């Protein structure tokens, strides 16, 4: 049983009290990009912020934003 995956979601954030969590998702994703920028690309050091984004954002959005970042046309934070 030690190999079981512990499923968690992002902690409650009082900045986003409404049921529509799209802005919360956008912010969490950009916090992850900011973490990468601050740690010079240390994805292991930014694992927790990436996990928060993955837990609240639809997979399609994450994939789209990852592709946009790779292509250099992501509208959010730049790294």
C-alpha atoms as a PDB file:
ATOM      1  CA  UNK A   1       0.000   0.000   0.000  1.00  0.00           C
ATOM      2  CA  UNK A   2       3.018   2.332   0.284  1.00  0.00           C
ATOM      3  CA  UNK A   3       3.022   2.726  -3.514  1.00  0.00           C
ATOM      4  CA  UNK A   4      -0.461   4.257  -3.593  1.00  0.00           C
ATOM      5  CA  UNK A   5      -0.736   7.738  -5.055  1.00  0.00           C
ATOM      6  CA  UNK A   6      -1.965  10.333  -2.606  1.00  0.00           C
ATOM      7  CA  UNK A   7      -4.468  12.514  -4.440  1.00  0.00           C
ATOM      8  CA  UNK A   8      -4.508  16.136  -3.333  1.00  0.00           C
ATOM      9  CA  UNK A   9      -5.679  19.407  -4.756  1.00  0.00           C
ATOM     10  CA  UNK A  10      -4.408  22.927  -4.418  1.00  0.00           C
ATOM     11  CA  UNK A  11      -5.045  24.507  -1.031  1.00  0.00           C
ATOM     12  CA  UNK A  12      -7.923  26.948  -0.633  1.00  0.00           C
ATOM     13  CA  UNK A  13      -6.883  30.404  -1.729  1.00  0.00           C
ATOM     14  CA  UNK A  14      -8.918  33.310  -0.324  1.00  0.00           C
ATOM     15  CA  UNK A  15      -8.076  35.370  -3.419  1.00  0.00           C
ATOM     16  CA  UNK A  16     -10.482  33.118  -5.346  1.00  0.00           C
ATOM     17  CA  UNK A  17     -13.684  32.652  -3.303  1.00  0.00           C
ATOM     18  CA  UNK A  18     -16.018  31.969  -6.249  1.00  0.00           C
ATOM     19  CA  UNK A  19     -16.943  28.653  -7.778  1.00  0.00           C
ATOM     20  CA  UNK A  20     -15.442  29.626 -11.145  1.00  0.00           C
ATOM     21  CA  UNK A  21     -11.812  28.666 -10.675  1.00  0.00           C
ATOM     22  CA  UNK A  22     -10.417  29.655 -14.075  1.00  0.00           C
ATOM     23  CA  UNK A  23      -8.545  32.675 -12.667  1.00  0.00           C
ATOM     24  CA  UNK A  24      -7.229  30.483  -9.842  1.00  0.00           C
ATOM     25  CA  UNK A  25      -5.961  28.030 -12.458  1.00  0.00           C
ATOM     26  CA  UNK A  26      -4.300  30.800 -14.506  1.00  0.00           C
ATOM     27  CA  UNK A  27      -2.620  32.207 -11.396  1.00  0.00           C
ATOM     28  CA  UNK A  28      -1.334  28.811 -10.234  1.00  0.00           C
ATOM     29  CA  UNK A  29       0.121  28.083 -13.664  1.00  0.00           C
ATOM     30  CA  UNK A  30       1.872  31.462 -13.763  1.00  0.00           C
ATOM     31  CA  UNK A  31       3.155  30.955 -10.214  1.00  0.00           C
ATOM     32  CA  UNK A  32       4.787  27.763 -11.496  1.00  0.00           C
ATOM     33  CA  UNK A  33       6.371  29.652 -14.421  1.00  0.00           C
ATOM     34  CA  UNK A  34       7.580  32.313 -11.974  1.00  0.00           C
ATOM     35  CA  UNK A  35       9.085  29.577  -9.778  1.00  0.00           C
ATOM     36  CA  UNK A  36      10.958  28.189 -12.798  1.00  0.00           C
ATOM     37  CA  UNK A  37      12.265  31.659 -13.539  1.00  0.00           C
ATOM     38  CA  UNK A  38      13.391  32.233  -9.944  1.00  0.00           C
ATOM     39  CA  UNK A  39      15.095  28.832  -9.690  1.00  0.00           C
ATOM     40  CA  UNK A  40      16.624  28.988 -13.177  1.00  0.00           C
ATOM     41  CA  UNK A  41      14.548  26.089 -14.466  1.00  0.00           C
ATOM     42  CA  UNK A  42      14.730  23.760 -11.469  1.00  0.00           C
ATOM     43  CA  UNK A  43      11.588  21.728 -12.163  1.00  0.00           C
ATOM     44  CA  UNK A  44      12.176  19.524  -9.117  1.00  0.00           C
ATOM     45  CA  UNK A  45      12.277  22.597  -6.896  1.00  0.00           C
ATOM     46  CA  UNK A  46       9.022  23.811  -8.430  1.00  0.00           C
ATOM     47  CA  UNK A  47       7.244  20.472  -8.222  1.00  0.00           C
ATOM     48  CA  UNK A  48       4.740  21.671  -5.628  1.00  0.00           C
ATOM     49  CA  UNK A  49       3.638  24.710  -7.626  1.00  0.00           C
ATOM     50  CA  UNK A  50       3.320  22.583 -10.770  1.00  0.00           C
ATOM     51  CA  UNK A  51       1.243  20.072  -8.805  1.00  0.00           C
ATOM     52  CA  UNK A  52      -1.108  22.854  -7.657  1.00  0.00           C
ATOM     53  CA  UNK A  53      -1.621  23.983 -11.254  1.00  0.00           C
ATOM     54  CA  UNK A  54      -2.186  20.428 -12.456  1.00  0.00           C
ATOM     55  CA  UNK A  55      -4.722  19.795  -9.717  1.00  0.00           C
ATOM     56  CA  UNK A  56      -6.969  22.751 -10.555  1.00  0.00           C
ATOM     57  CA  UNK A  57      -6.490  23.306 -14.302  1.00  0.00           C
ATOM     58  CA  UNK A  58      -8.013  21.201 -17.067  1.00  0.00           C
ATOM     59  CA  UNK A  59      -5.367  19.042 -18.765  1.00  0.00           C
ATOM     60  CA  UNK A  60      -6.151  20.645 -22.125  1.00  0.00           C
ATOM     61  CA  UNK A  61      -5.268  24.088 -20.787  1.00  0.00           C
ATOM     62  CA  UNK A  62      -1.998  22.885 -19.269  1.00  0.00           C
ATOM     63  CA  UNK A  63      -1.019  21.154 -22.523  1.00  0.00           C
ATOM     64  CA  UNK A  64      -1.941  24.259 -24.555  1.00  0.00           C
ATOM     65  CA  UNK A  65       0.020  26.599 -22.280  1.00  0.00           C
ATOM     66  CA  UNK A  66       3.032  24.255 -22.222  1.00  0.00           C
ATOM     67  CA  UNK A  67       3.017  24.194 -26.028  1.00  0.00           C
ATOM     68  CA  UNK A  68       2.674  27.984 -26.186  1.00  0.00           C
ATOM     69  CA  UNK A  69       5.604  28.400 -23.792  1.00  0.00           C
ATOM     70  CA  UNK A  70       7.747  26.112 -25.954  1.00  0.00           C
ATOM     71  CA  UNK A  71       6.740  28.065 -29.074  1.00  0.00           C
ATOM     72  CA  UNK A  72       7.450  31.405 -27.368  1.00  0.00           C
ATOM     73  CA  UNK A  73       3.928  32.791 -27.660  1.00  0.00           C
ATOM     74  CA  UNK A  74       2.517  32.155 -24.181  1.00  0.00           C
ATOM     75  CA  UNK A  75       0.496  35.218 -23.085  1.00  0.00           C
ATOM     76  CA  UNK A  76       1.424  34.848 -19.404  1.00  0.00           C
ATOM     77  CA  UNK A  77       4.741  35.145 -17.617  1.00  0.00           C
ATOM     78  CA  UNK A  78       7.833  34.507 -19.717  1.00  0.00           C
ATOM     79  CA  UNK A  79      10.641  32.177 -18.778  1.00  0.00           C
END
